[in-house]
N, C-alpha and C. Protein backbone atom coordinates (compact mmCIF):
# COMPACT_ATOMS: atom_id res chain seq x y z
N MET A 1 40.54 -1.95 24.13
CA MET A 1 41.56 -3.00 24.17
C MET A 1 42.58 -2.66 25.26
N ILE A 2 42.86 -3.63 26.10
CA ILE A 2 43.86 -3.46 27.15
C ILE A 2 45.25 -3.51 26.54
N ARG A 3 46.11 -2.59 26.94
CA ARG A 3 47.51 -2.62 26.51
C ARG A 3 48.37 -2.96 27.72
N SER A 4 49.45 -3.69 27.45
CA SER A 4 50.28 -4.16 28.55
C SER A 4 51.71 -4.34 28.08
N ASP A 5 52.65 -4.17 29.00
CA ASP A 5 54.05 -4.45 28.72
C ASP A 5 54.44 -5.88 29.09
N LYS A 6 53.48 -6.66 29.57
CA LYS A 6 53.77 -8.04 29.96
C LYS A 6 53.98 -8.90 28.72
N THR A 7 54.81 -9.91 28.85
CA THR A 7 55.01 -10.84 27.75
C THR A 7 53.82 -11.80 27.67
N ALA A 8 53.71 -12.48 26.54
CA ALA A 8 52.64 -13.47 26.38
C ALA A 8 52.79 -14.58 27.41
N ARG A 9 54.01 -14.94 27.73
CA ARG A 9 54.24 -15.97 28.75
C ARG A 9 53.75 -15.50 30.12
N GLU A 10 54.06 -14.26 30.46
CA GLU A 10 53.64 -13.73 31.76
C GLU A 10 52.12 -13.67 31.88
N ILE A 11 51.46 -13.25 30.81
CA ILE A 11 50.00 -13.19 30.83
C ILE A 11 49.41 -14.58 30.97
N PHE A 12 49.97 -15.55 30.26
CA PHE A 12 49.49 -16.92 30.39
C PHE A 12 49.68 -17.43 31.81
N GLU A 13 50.85 -17.23 32.38
CA GLU A 13 51.11 -17.75 33.73
C GLU A 13 50.19 -17.11 34.76
N GLU A 14 49.90 -15.82 34.61
CA GLU A 14 48.97 -15.15 35.51
C GLU A 14 47.56 -15.72 35.36
N THR A 15 47.14 -15.92 34.14
CA THR A 15 45.80 -16.47 33.88
C THR A 15 45.68 -17.88 34.42
N LEU A 16 46.71 -18.69 34.20
CA LEU A 16 46.70 -20.07 34.67
C LEU A 16 46.65 -20.14 36.19
N ALA A 17 47.30 -19.19 36.85
CA ALA A 17 47.39 -19.19 38.32
C ALA A 17 46.14 -18.64 39.00
N ASN A 18 45.19 -18.12 38.24
CA ASN A 18 44.00 -17.51 38.82
C ASN A 18 43.12 -18.60 39.45
N PRO A 19 42.98 -18.61 40.76
CA PRO A 19 42.22 -19.69 41.42
C PRO A 19 40.73 -19.63 41.12
N ALA A 20 40.25 -18.48 40.65
CA ALA A 20 38.82 -18.34 40.36
C ALA A 20 38.44 -18.85 38.97
N ARG A 21 39.43 -19.23 38.17
CA ARG A 21 39.13 -19.66 36.81
C ARG A 21 38.43 -21.00 36.82
N ALA A 22 37.21 -21.04 36.34
CA ALA A 22 36.44 -22.29 36.30
C ALA A 22 36.98 -23.21 35.22
N LYS A 23 36.83 -24.51 35.45
CA LYS A 23 37.29 -25.51 34.48
C LYS A 23 36.10 -26.28 33.90
N PHE A 24 36.27 -26.75 32.67
CA PHE A 24 35.30 -27.68 32.11
C PHE A 24 35.42 -29.04 32.80
N GLY A 25 36.66 -29.42 33.11
CA GLY A 25 36.91 -30.69 33.77
C GLY A 25 36.88 -31.87 32.82
N PHE A 26 37.34 -33.01 33.33
CA PHE A 26 37.26 -34.26 32.59
C PHE A 26 35.84 -34.82 32.71
N GLY A 27 35.43 -35.51 31.67
CA GLY A 27 34.14 -36.19 31.71
C GLY A 27 34.31 -37.64 32.12
N GLU A 28 33.57 -38.52 31.44
CA GLU A 28 33.59 -39.93 31.80
C GLU A 28 34.58 -40.76 30.99
N LYS A 29 34.90 -40.28 29.77
CA LYS A 29 35.81 -41.07 28.92
C LYS A 29 36.57 -40.13 28.00
N ILE A 30 37.87 -40.30 27.97
CA ILE A 30 38.71 -39.44 27.14
C ILE A 30 39.20 -40.17 25.90
N ALA A 31 39.62 -39.39 24.92
CA ALA A 31 40.44 -39.87 23.81
C ALA A 31 41.65 -38.95 23.72
N ILE A 32 42.79 -39.52 23.40
CA ILE A 32 43.99 -38.72 23.14
C ILE A 32 44.05 -38.46 21.65
N VAL A 33 44.07 -37.19 21.27
CA VAL A 33 44.15 -36.81 19.86
C VAL A 33 45.48 -36.08 19.64
N ASN A 34 46.42 -36.77 19.00
CA ASN A 34 47.77 -36.25 18.77
C ASN A 34 47.83 -35.64 17.38
N VAL A 35 47.95 -34.32 17.34
CA VAL A 35 47.79 -33.58 16.09
C VAL A 35 49.15 -33.28 15.45
N ASP A 36 49.43 -33.95 14.37
CA ASP A 36 50.57 -33.65 13.48
C ASP A 36 51.95 -33.71 14.14
N PRO A 37 52.23 -34.72 14.97
CA PRO A 37 53.59 -34.85 15.47
C PRO A 37 54.48 -35.54 14.44
N GLN A 38 54.63 -34.88 13.30
CA GLN A 38 55.35 -35.43 12.16
C GLN A 38 56.67 -34.68 11.97
N LYS A 39 57.57 -35.28 11.25
CA LYS A 39 58.94 -34.76 11.18
C LYS A 39 59.01 -33.33 10.65
N ALA A 40 58.10 -32.97 9.77
CA ALA A 40 58.10 -31.59 9.24
C ALA A 40 57.98 -30.57 10.35
N TYR A 41 57.37 -30.98 11.49
CA TYR A 41 57.09 -30.04 12.58
C TYR A 41 57.82 -30.36 13.87
N THR A 42 58.42 -31.54 13.98
CA THR A 42 59.06 -31.92 15.25
C THR A 42 60.58 -32.06 15.17
N ARG A 43 61.13 -31.98 13.95
CA ARG A 43 62.56 -32.22 13.78
C ARG A 43 63.27 -31.01 13.17
N PRO A 44 63.57 -30.00 13.98
CA PRO A 44 64.28 -28.84 13.43
C PRO A 44 65.67 -29.16 12.93
N ASP A 45 66.24 -30.28 13.36
CA ASP A 45 67.53 -30.69 12.81
C ASP A 45 67.41 -31.07 11.35
N LEU A 46 66.23 -31.55 10.94
CA LEU A 46 65.98 -31.91 9.54
C LEU A 46 65.29 -30.79 8.77
N TYR A 47 64.37 -30.09 9.44
CA TYR A 47 63.54 -29.09 8.77
C TYR A 47 63.50 -27.80 9.61
N PRO A 48 64.60 -27.07 9.62
CA PRO A 48 64.70 -25.89 10.51
C PRO A 48 63.70 -24.79 10.20
N LYS A 49 63.20 -24.73 8.98
CA LYS A 49 62.27 -23.66 8.64
C LYS A 49 60.83 -23.93 9.07
N THR A 50 60.50 -25.19 9.33
CA THR A 50 59.12 -25.51 9.67
C THR A 50 58.94 -26.18 11.03
N ALA A 51 59.99 -26.77 11.57
CA ALA A 51 59.86 -27.53 12.82
C ALA A 51 60.19 -26.66 14.02
N TYR A 52 59.80 -27.14 15.19
CA TYR A 52 59.96 -26.35 16.41
C TYR A 52 60.00 -27.28 17.62
N ILE A 53 60.64 -26.81 18.67
CA ILE A 53 60.64 -27.51 19.96
C ILE A 53 60.26 -26.50 21.03
N THR A 54 59.29 -26.83 21.85
CA THR A 54 58.96 -26.00 23.00
C THR A 54 59.41 -26.71 24.27
N ASP A 55 58.74 -27.78 24.65
CA ASP A 55 59.21 -28.62 25.75
C ASP A 55 60.08 -29.73 25.16
N PRO A 56 61.33 -29.87 25.60
CA PRO A 56 62.20 -30.90 25.00
C PRO A 56 61.71 -32.32 25.24
N ASP A 57 60.81 -32.50 26.22
CA ASP A 57 60.28 -33.83 26.50
C ASP A 57 58.88 -34.03 25.93
N GLN A 58 58.49 -33.20 24.97
CA GLN A 58 57.14 -33.29 24.41
C GLN A 58 56.82 -34.69 23.89
N MET A 59 57.73 -35.30 23.13
CA MET A 59 57.46 -36.61 22.56
C MET A 59 57.31 -37.67 23.66
N LYS A 60 58.12 -37.56 24.71
CA LYS A 60 58.02 -38.51 25.83
C LYS A 60 56.67 -38.38 26.52
N HIS A 61 56.27 -37.14 26.81
CA HIS A 61 54.98 -36.94 27.48
C HIS A 61 53.82 -37.44 26.61
N THR A 62 53.92 -37.17 25.31
CA THR A 62 52.88 -37.63 24.39
C THR A 62 52.82 -39.15 24.38
N ASN A 63 53.97 -39.80 24.34
CA ASN A 63 54.01 -41.26 24.43
C ASN A 63 53.41 -41.75 25.74
N ASP A 64 53.79 -41.10 26.84
CA ASP A 64 53.34 -41.56 28.16
C ASP A 64 51.82 -41.58 28.24
N ILE A 65 51.17 -40.49 27.84
CA ILE A 65 49.71 -40.46 27.99
C ILE A 65 49.04 -41.33 26.93
N SER A 66 49.63 -41.43 25.75
CA SER A 66 49.05 -42.28 24.72
C SER A 66 49.16 -43.76 25.10
N ASN A 67 50.33 -44.15 25.60
CA ASN A 67 50.53 -45.54 26.01
C ASN A 67 49.63 -45.90 27.19
N ALA A 68 49.52 -44.96 28.14
CA ALA A 68 48.68 -45.22 29.32
C ALA A 68 47.22 -45.32 28.94
N ALA A 69 46.78 -44.44 28.03
CA ALA A 69 45.39 -44.49 27.58
C ALA A 69 45.10 -45.79 26.85
N ARG A 70 45.99 -46.16 25.95
CA ARG A 70 45.82 -47.41 25.18
C ARG A 70 45.73 -48.61 26.12
N ALA A 71 46.55 -48.62 27.16
CA ALA A 71 46.56 -49.74 28.10
C ALA A 71 45.24 -49.85 28.87
N LYS A 72 44.54 -48.73 28.99
CA LYS A 72 43.23 -48.73 29.67
C LYS A 72 42.07 -48.90 28.69
N GLY A 73 42.37 -49.15 27.42
CA GLY A 73 41.32 -49.31 26.43
C GLY A 73 40.71 -48.01 25.97
N LEU A 74 41.38 -46.90 26.20
CA LEU A 74 40.90 -45.59 25.77
C LEU A 74 41.41 -45.28 24.37
N PRO A 75 40.62 -44.62 23.54
CA PRO A 75 41.03 -44.37 22.16
C PRO A 75 42.23 -43.42 22.06
N VAL A 76 43.10 -43.74 21.10
CA VAL A 76 44.26 -42.89 20.78
C VAL A 76 44.22 -42.62 19.28
N VAL A 77 44.36 -41.34 18.93
CA VAL A 77 44.26 -40.91 17.54
C VAL A 77 45.53 -40.13 17.18
N TRP A 78 46.02 -40.35 15.97
CA TRP A 78 47.17 -39.63 15.44
C TRP A 78 46.79 -39.01 14.10
N THR A 79 47.12 -37.74 13.89
CA THR A 79 46.93 -37.15 12.57
C THR A 79 48.26 -36.62 12.04
N HIS A 80 48.36 -36.62 10.72
CA HIS A 80 49.48 -35.92 10.07
C HIS A 80 48.99 -35.36 8.75
N VAL A 81 49.72 -34.37 8.27
CA VAL A 81 49.33 -33.60 7.09
C VAL A 81 50.11 -34.09 5.88
N ALA A 82 49.43 -34.22 4.74
CA ALA A 82 50.12 -34.48 3.47
C ALA A 82 49.15 -34.19 2.33
N TYR A 83 49.74 -34.01 1.14
CA TYR A 83 48.95 -33.64 -0.04
C TYR A 83 49.37 -34.46 -1.26
N MET A 84 48.49 -34.44 -2.26
CA MET A 84 48.77 -35.08 -3.53
C MET A 84 50.02 -34.49 -4.18
N GLU A 85 50.58 -35.20 -5.13
CA GLU A 85 51.80 -34.74 -5.78
C GLU A 85 51.62 -33.37 -6.43
N ASN A 86 50.44 -33.11 -6.97
CA ASN A 86 50.20 -31.80 -7.61
C ASN A 86 49.54 -30.80 -6.66
N ALA A 87 49.38 -31.19 -5.39
CA ALA A 87 48.79 -30.32 -4.36
C ALA A 87 47.37 -29.88 -4.69
N ALA A 88 46.68 -30.66 -5.51
CA ALA A 88 45.32 -30.30 -5.89
C ALA A 88 44.33 -30.36 -4.72
N ASP A 89 44.72 -31.04 -3.64
CA ASP A 89 43.84 -31.14 -2.47
C ASP A 89 44.22 -30.18 -1.36
N ALA A 90 45.13 -29.23 -1.63
CA ALA A 90 45.57 -28.29 -0.60
C ALA A 90 44.68 -27.07 -0.48
N GLY A 91 43.84 -26.84 -1.50
CA GLY A 91 42.92 -25.71 -1.44
C GLY A 91 43.64 -24.37 -1.39
N VAL A 92 42.91 -23.36 -0.95
CA VAL A 92 43.48 -22.01 -0.89
C VAL A 92 44.62 -21.93 0.12
N TRP A 93 44.61 -22.87 1.11
CA TRP A 93 45.67 -22.86 2.14
C TRP A 93 47.05 -23.08 1.51
N GLY A 94 47.08 -23.72 0.34
CA GLY A 94 48.36 -24.01 -0.30
C GLY A 94 48.76 -23.01 -1.36
N THR A 95 48.19 -21.81 -1.33
CA THR A 95 48.45 -20.86 -2.42
C THR A 95 49.34 -19.69 -2.04
N ARG A 96 49.68 -19.53 -0.78
CA ARG A 96 50.42 -18.33 -0.38
C ARG A 96 51.87 -18.35 -0.85
N THR A 97 52.50 -19.50 -0.72
CA THR A 97 53.90 -19.65 -1.13
C THR A 97 54.05 -20.95 -1.87
N ASN A 98 55.17 -21.10 -2.57
CA ASN A 98 55.46 -22.38 -3.22
C ASN A 98 56.96 -22.59 -3.21
N THR A 99 57.45 -23.02 -2.04
CA THR A 99 58.85 -23.34 -1.85
C THR A 99 58.94 -24.79 -1.40
N PRO A 100 60.14 -25.36 -1.36
CA PRO A 100 60.25 -26.74 -0.86
C PRO A 100 59.71 -26.91 0.56
N ASP A 101 59.67 -25.82 1.34
CA ASP A 101 59.20 -25.90 2.72
C ASP A 101 57.71 -25.59 2.85
N SER A 102 57.06 -25.21 1.77
CA SER A 102 55.65 -24.83 1.86
C SER A 102 54.78 -26.01 2.26
N LEU A 103 53.69 -25.67 2.94
CA LEU A 103 52.76 -26.66 3.45
C LEU A 103 52.33 -27.67 2.39
N GLN A 104 51.92 -27.18 1.22
CA GLN A 104 51.37 -28.07 0.19
C GLN A 104 52.41 -28.99 -0.41
N ASN A 105 53.67 -28.77 -0.10
CA ASN A 105 54.73 -29.63 -0.61
C ASN A 105 55.13 -30.73 0.39
N ILE A 106 54.30 -30.92 1.41
CA ILE A 106 54.39 -32.14 2.21
C ILE A 106 53.61 -33.22 1.46
N LYS A 107 54.30 -34.16 0.89
CA LYS A 107 53.67 -35.15 0.02
C LYS A 107 53.42 -36.47 0.75
N TYR A 108 52.39 -37.18 0.33
CA TYR A 108 52.12 -38.50 0.87
C TYR A 108 53.37 -39.37 0.78
N GLY A 109 53.69 -40.04 1.87
CA GLY A 109 54.81 -40.96 1.88
C GLY A 109 56.18 -40.32 1.99
N SER A 110 56.23 -39.00 2.10
CA SER A 110 57.52 -38.32 2.21
C SER A 110 58.03 -38.34 3.64
N GLU A 111 59.29 -38.00 3.83
CA GLU A 111 59.85 -37.94 5.18
C GLU A 111 59.14 -36.89 6.01
N ARG A 112 58.74 -35.79 5.39
CA ARG A 112 58.04 -34.73 6.14
C ARG A 112 56.68 -35.20 6.64
N HIS A 113 56.10 -36.16 5.95
CA HIS A 113 54.80 -36.73 6.33
C HIS A 113 54.94 -37.74 7.46
N GLU A 114 56.11 -38.30 7.65
CA GLU A 114 56.32 -39.37 8.63
C GLU A 114 56.18 -38.85 10.06
N PHE A 115 55.61 -39.69 10.92
CA PHE A 115 55.57 -39.37 12.34
C PHE A 115 56.98 -39.38 12.91
N ASP A 116 57.17 -38.62 13.98
CA ASP A 116 58.45 -38.59 14.67
C ASP A 116 58.81 -40.00 15.14
N ASP A 117 60.05 -40.39 14.91
CA ASP A 117 60.50 -41.75 15.24
C ASP A 117 60.44 -42.06 16.73
N ARG A 118 60.40 -41.04 17.56
CA ARG A 118 60.36 -41.25 19.00
C ARG A 118 58.99 -41.68 19.51
N LEU A 119 57.99 -41.61 18.67
CA LEU A 119 56.63 -41.92 19.09
C LEU A 119 56.33 -43.41 18.96
N THR A 120 55.48 -43.88 19.85
CA THR A 120 55.02 -45.27 19.80
C THR A 120 53.58 -45.27 19.32
N ILE A 121 53.36 -45.75 18.10
CA ILE A 121 52.04 -45.77 17.49
C ILE A 121 51.69 -47.23 17.18
N ASP A 122 50.54 -47.66 17.69
CA ASP A 122 50.10 -49.03 17.43
C ASP A 122 48.95 -48.97 16.43
N GLU A 123 49.26 -49.16 15.17
CA GLU A 123 48.25 -49.00 14.13
C GLU A 123 47.22 -50.13 14.12
N LYS A 124 47.42 -51.14 14.97
CA LYS A 124 46.40 -52.18 15.10
C LYS A 124 45.21 -51.68 15.91
N VAL A 125 45.45 -50.73 16.79
CA VAL A 125 44.36 -50.24 17.66
C VAL A 125 44.20 -48.72 17.62
N ASP A 126 45.25 -47.99 17.28
CA ASP A 126 45.16 -46.53 17.21
C ASP A 126 44.55 -46.12 15.87
N ALA A 127 43.81 -45.03 15.89
CA ALA A 127 43.30 -44.45 14.64
C ALA A 127 44.34 -43.50 14.08
N VAL A 128 44.67 -43.63 12.80
CA VAL A 128 45.67 -42.78 12.15
C VAL A 128 45.03 -42.15 10.92
N TYR A 129 45.01 -40.81 10.89
CA TYR A 129 44.37 -40.08 9.80
C TYR A 129 45.33 -39.09 9.16
N THR A 130 45.26 -38.98 7.85
CA THR A 130 45.91 -37.88 7.16
C THR A 130 44.89 -36.76 6.99
N LYS A 131 45.25 -35.56 7.41
CA LYS A 131 44.35 -34.42 7.27
C LYS A 131 44.97 -33.39 6.33
N ARG A 132 44.16 -32.46 5.88
CA ARG A 132 44.62 -31.47 4.91
C ARG A 132 44.42 -30.04 5.36
N MET A 133 43.62 -29.84 6.40
CA MET A 133 43.34 -28.51 6.91
C MET A 133 43.67 -28.46 8.40
N PRO A 134 43.60 -27.29 9.04
CA PRO A 134 44.10 -27.18 10.41
C PRO A 134 43.45 -28.12 11.42
N SER A 135 42.14 -28.20 11.45
CA SER A 135 41.47 -29.00 12.48
C SER A 135 41.55 -30.49 12.19
N ALA A 136 41.81 -31.27 13.23
CA ALA A 136 41.80 -32.72 13.11
C ALA A 136 40.40 -33.26 12.81
N PHE A 137 39.37 -32.44 12.99
CA PHE A 137 38.00 -32.86 12.71
C PHE A 137 37.62 -32.65 11.25
N PHE A 138 38.30 -31.76 10.54
CA PHE A 138 37.84 -31.37 9.21
C PHE A 138 38.09 -32.47 8.19
N GLU A 139 36.99 -33.02 7.66
CA GLU A 139 37.03 -34.04 6.61
C GLU A 139 37.88 -35.26 6.98
N THR A 140 37.86 -35.63 8.28
CA THR A 140 38.44 -36.89 8.73
C THR A 140 37.33 -37.68 9.43
N PRO A 141 37.56 -38.95 9.73
CA PRO A 141 36.55 -39.74 10.45
C PRO A 141 36.53 -39.49 11.96
N LEU A 142 37.25 -38.48 12.45
CA LEU A 142 37.43 -38.33 13.90
C LEU A 142 36.10 -38.23 14.65
N GLN A 143 35.17 -37.41 14.17
CA GLN A 143 33.92 -37.24 14.90
C GLN A 143 33.16 -38.56 15.07
N SER A 144 33.01 -39.31 14.00
CA SER A 144 32.26 -40.57 14.11
C SER A 144 33.02 -41.58 14.97
N PHE A 145 34.35 -41.53 14.91
CA PHE A 145 35.17 -42.41 15.75
C PHE A 145 34.93 -42.13 17.23
N LEU A 146 34.90 -40.86 17.61
CA LEU A 146 34.68 -40.49 19.00
C LEU A 146 33.26 -40.83 19.45
N VAL A 147 32.30 -40.61 18.58
CA VAL A 147 30.91 -40.94 18.92
C VAL A 147 30.78 -42.44 19.18
N TRP A 148 31.34 -43.25 18.28
CA TRP A 148 31.26 -44.70 18.44
C TRP A 148 31.85 -45.16 19.76
N HIS A 149 32.96 -44.52 20.17
CA HIS A 149 33.63 -44.91 21.42
C HIS A 149 33.07 -44.21 22.65
N LYS A 150 31.99 -43.45 22.47
CA LYS A 150 31.30 -42.78 23.59
C LYS A 150 32.23 -41.86 24.38
N VAL A 151 33.09 -41.18 23.64
CA VAL A 151 34.03 -40.23 24.24
C VAL A 151 33.32 -38.91 24.52
N ASP A 152 33.59 -38.31 25.67
CA ASP A 152 33.05 -36.98 25.95
C ASP A 152 34.14 -35.94 26.24
N THR A 153 35.40 -36.39 26.24
CA THR A 153 36.52 -35.51 26.57
C THR A 153 37.67 -35.78 25.60
N VAL A 154 38.21 -34.72 25.02
CA VAL A 154 39.29 -34.85 24.05
C VAL A 154 40.55 -34.19 24.62
N VAL A 155 41.62 -34.95 24.70
CA VAL A 155 42.93 -34.43 25.12
C VAL A 155 43.74 -34.19 23.84
N VAL A 156 44.11 -32.93 23.62
CA VAL A 156 44.75 -32.55 22.35
C VAL A 156 46.23 -32.27 22.58
N THR A 157 47.08 -32.97 21.82
CA THR A 157 48.52 -32.73 21.86
C THR A 157 49.01 -32.41 20.46
N GLY A 158 50.27 -31.94 20.36
CA GLY A 158 50.90 -31.76 19.06
C GLY A 158 51.26 -30.33 18.76
N GLY A 159 51.08 -29.93 17.51
CA GLY A 159 51.44 -28.58 17.11
C GLY A 159 50.73 -28.20 15.82
N SER A 160 50.77 -26.92 15.48
CA SER A 160 51.28 -25.88 16.35
C SER A 160 50.16 -25.35 17.24
N THR A 161 50.55 -24.82 18.40
CA THR A 161 49.58 -24.31 19.35
C THR A 161 48.68 -23.26 18.71
N SER A 162 49.28 -22.39 17.92
CA SER A 162 48.52 -21.28 17.32
C SER A 162 47.76 -21.69 16.08
N GLY A 163 48.01 -22.90 15.57
CA GLY A 163 47.39 -23.33 14.33
C GLY A 163 46.49 -24.53 14.53
N CYS A 164 47.03 -25.72 14.32
CA CYS A 164 46.21 -26.92 14.30
C CYS A 164 45.72 -27.33 15.69
N ILE A 165 46.46 -26.99 16.75
CA ILE A 165 45.97 -27.28 18.10
C ILE A 165 44.78 -26.39 18.41
N ARG A 166 44.93 -25.10 18.16
CA ARG A 166 43.81 -24.19 18.41
C ARG A 166 42.59 -24.59 17.58
N ALA A 167 42.78 -24.86 16.30
CA ALA A 167 41.66 -25.21 15.43
C ALA A 167 40.97 -26.48 15.91
N THR A 168 41.74 -27.47 16.31
CA THR A 168 41.17 -28.73 16.79
C THR A 168 40.43 -28.52 18.10
N ALA A 169 41.01 -27.73 19.00
CA ALA A 169 40.36 -27.47 20.29
C ALA A 169 39.04 -26.72 20.12
N VAL A 170 39.03 -25.72 19.25
CA VAL A 170 37.79 -24.97 19.01
C VAL A 170 36.73 -25.88 18.40
N ASP A 171 37.12 -26.72 17.45
CA ASP A 171 36.17 -27.65 16.85
C ASP A 171 35.68 -28.68 17.86
N ALA A 172 36.56 -29.13 18.75
CA ALA A 172 36.15 -30.10 19.77
C ALA A 172 35.10 -29.49 20.69
N LEU A 173 35.36 -28.29 21.18
CA LEU A 173 34.39 -27.60 22.03
C LEU A 173 33.08 -27.38 21.28
N SER A 174 33.18 -26.97 20.03
CA SER A 174 31.99 -26.68 19.23
C SER A 174 31.13 -27.93 19.03
N ARG A 175 31.75 -29.10 19.10
CA ARG A 175 31.02 -30.36 18.93
C ARG A 175 30.57 -30.93 20.27
N GLY A 176 30.80 -30.20 21.34
CA GLY A 176 30.30 -30.61 22.64
C GLY A 176 31.25 -31.41 23.49
N TYR A 177 32.53 -31.47 23.11
CA TYR A 177 33.50 -32.21 23.90
C TYR A 177 34.18 -31.32 24.93
N ARG A 178 34.35 -31.85 26.12
CA ARG A 178 35.28 -31.22 27.06
C ARG A 178 36.67 -31.34 26.43
N THR A 179 37.43 -30.27 26.47
CA THR A 179 38.70 -30.25 25.75
C THR A 179 39.84 -29.93 26.71
N ILE A 180 40.86 -30.77 26.69
CA ILE A 180 42.00 -30.65 27.59
C ILE A 180 43.26 -30.50 26.75
N VAL A 181 44.08 -29.49 27.07
CA VAL A 181 45.36 -29.28 26.39
C VAL A 181 46.47 -29.38 27.43
N PRO A 182 47.24 -30.46 27.44
CA PRO A 182 48.35 -30.58 28.38
C PRO A 182 49.53 -29.70 27.94
N ILE A 183 49.96 -28.84 28.81
CA ILE A 183 50.92 -27.79 28.46
C ILE A 183 52.19 -28.35 27.84
N GLU A 184 52.74 -29.40 28.42
CA GLU A 184 54.03 -29.93 27.96
C GLU A 184 53.92 -30.67 26.63
N CYS A 185 52.71 -30.89 26.15
CA CYS A 185 52.50 -31.71 24.97
C CYS A 185 52.17 -30.91 23.72
N VAL A 186 52.26 -29.58 23.79
CA VAL A 186 52.00 -28.75 22.61
C VAL A 186 53.17 -27.81 22.38
N ALA A 187 53.35 -27.39 21.13
CA ALA A 187 54.53 -26.60 20.78
C ALA A 187 54.22 -25.66 19.63
N ASP A 188 55.08 -24.64 19.50
CA ASP A 188 54.93 -23.68 18.41
C ASP A 188 56.30 -23.11 18.07
N LYS A 189 56.34 -22.35 16.99
CA LYS A 189 57.60 -21.81 16.46
C LYS A 189 58.16 -20.71 17.34
N HIS A 190 57.30 -19.91 17.98
CA HIS A 190 57.74 -18.77 18.78
C HIS A 190 56.94 -18.73 20.07
N GLU A 191 57.58 -18.38 21.17
CA GLU A 191 56.88 -18.41 22.44
C GLU A 191 55.74 -17.39 22.51
N SER A 192 55.82 -16.33 21.75
CA SER A 192 54.74 -15.35 21.75
C SER A 192 53.45 -15.97 21.23
N TYR A 193 53.53 -16.64 20.05
CA TYR A 193 52.34 -17.30 19.51
C TYR A 193 51.85 -18.39 20.46
N HIS A 194 52.81 -19.15 20.97
CA HIS A 194 52.49 -20.30 21.82
C HIS A 194 51.70 -19.88 23.05
N PHE A 195 52.25 -18.93 23.80
CA PHE A 195 51.60 -18.57 25.06
C PHE A 195 50.36 -17.70 24.86
N ALA A 196 50.35 -16.87 23.82
CA ALA A 196 49.14 -16.09 23.54
C ALA A 196 47.97 -17.02 23.23
N ASN A 197 48.23 -18.08 22.47
CA ASN A 197 47.15 -19.00 22.12
C ASN A 197 46.78 -19.92 23.27
N LEU A 198 47.75 -20.30 24.10
CA LEU A 198 47.39 -21.05 25.30
C LEU A 198 46.49 -20.23 26.21
N THR A 199 46.78 -18.93 26.31
CA THR A 199 45.92 -18.06 27.12
C THR A 199 44.51 -18.01 26.55
N ASP A 200 44.41 -17.85 25.25
CA ASP A 200 43.09 -17.77 24.62
C ASP A 200 42.32 -19.08 24.77
N LEU A 201 43.01 -20.20 24.60
CA LEU A 201 42.38 -21.49 24.81
C LEU A 201 41.89 -21.63 26.25
N LEU A 202 42.73 -21.23 27.18
CA LEU A 202 42.41 -21.35 28.60
C LEU A 202 41.19 -20.51 28.97
N ILE A 203 41.11 -19.31 28.42
CA ILE A 203 40.01 -18.41 28.75
C ILE A 203 38.70 -18.87 28.13
N LYS A 204 38.77 -19.43 26.92
CA LYS A 204 37.55 -19.65 26.15
C LYS A 204 37.19 -21.09 25.85
N TYR A 205 38.16 -21.90 25.46
CA TYR A 205 37.82 -23.12 24.74
C TYR A 205 38.25 -24.43 25.40
N ALA A 206 39.19 -24.40 26.33
CA ALA A 206 39.76 -25.65 26.82
C ALA A 206 40.29 -25.47 28.24
N ASP A 207 40.53 -26.59 28.89
CA ASP A 207 41.33 -26.58 30.11
C ASP A 207 42.78 -26.80 29.70
N VAL A 208 43.63 -25.87 30.03
CA VAL A 208 45.06 -25.98 29.76
C VAL A 208 45.72 -26.36 31.07
N VAL A 209 46.27 -27.58 31.13
CA VAL A 209 46.69 -28.16 32.41
C VAL A 209 48.06 -28.80 32.29
N PRO A 210 48.76 -28.97 33.40
CA PRO A 210 50.00 -29.77 33.36
C PRO A 210 49.68 -31.20 32.92
N VAL A 211 50.59 -31.81 32.20
CA VAL A 211 50.37 -33.17 31.71
C VAL A 211 50.18 -34.15 32.87
N ALA A 212 50.71 -33.81 34.05
CA ALA A 212 50.54 -34.68 35.21
C ALA A 212 49.06 -34.89 35.55
N GLU A 213 48.22 -33.90 35.26
CA GLU A 213 46.78 -34.05 35.53
C GLU A 213 46.17 -35.09 34.61
N VAL A 214 46.61 -35.11 33.36
CA VAL A 214 46.11 -36.11 32.42
C VAL A 214 46.58 -37.50 32.84
N LYS A 215 47.84 -37.61 33.21
CA LYS A 215 48.38 -38.90 33.65
C LYS A 215 47.62 -39.42 34.87
N ALA A 216 47.32 -38.52 35.81
CA ALA A 216 46.62 -38.93 37.03
C ALA A 216 45.20 -39.40 36.70
N TRP A 217 44.53 -38.71 35.78
CA TRP A 217 43.16 -39.10 35.42
C TRP A 217 43.17 -40.49 34.78
N ILE A 218 44.11 -40.71 33.87
CA ILE A 218 44.17 -42.01 33.20
C ILE A 218 44.48 -43.12 34.20
N LYS A 219 45.38 -42.85 35.11
CA LYS A 219 45.75 -43.86 36.12
C LYS A 219 44.54 -44.26 36.94
N ALA A 220 43.67 -43.30 37.24
CA ALA A 220 42.50 -43.57 38.08
C ALA A 220 41.32 -44.13 37.29
N TYR A 221 41.39 -44.12 35.98
CA TYR A 221 40.25 -44.51 35.16
C TYR A 221 39.98 -46.01 35.24
N THR A 222 38.70 -46.33 35.39
CA THR A 222 38.24 -47.70 35.27
C THR A 222 37.05 -47.73 34.33
N ALA A 223 37.02 -48.68 33.45
CA ALA A 223 35.95 -48.76 32.45
C ALA A 223 34.62 -49.10 33.10
């Protein structure tokens, strides 16, 4: 194992800057998959123990690419987490703690379950799923939705980078999708977790790129 005094951010920036790093690239059709941009995770003013901000413009960037994709007829997906009143559907993931801030105490219809008010979601055309485990693919209709729309590339936004973003990206790659993670559109509680996982995604599972690359691809897209 290599040991280093460099920070996780420094290692990520060095890895990202490596000109020899090969990319998966964009395919022929993308979907935007926005993972859990809900108040429990995006509003530290309301939920300081569970929410986080990395890029202060994350919600704007997420809106920009989602709105642009929708305007081009590209699929847009939103997920958020919630559980039954008795948390019977939380599984072993809901057993570590039991406080008002615990994962399994995000209830259907609660404020913590609500999407961030800054987001623009069109439920007439966007797919909206409630999930219960880290990956947006696990026990949701996401896979069949992407197959039906002939998507070959998944752009993953949301949080947390070390949790549900990583899980979704690994599952996307495992299912044969080119996977894109726009840097400004993902967030985590601590920069160490955030950048360490961005590095791991970049090396193994996804293209980690500035959001401007996603915007440029969508702008150039023609059906």
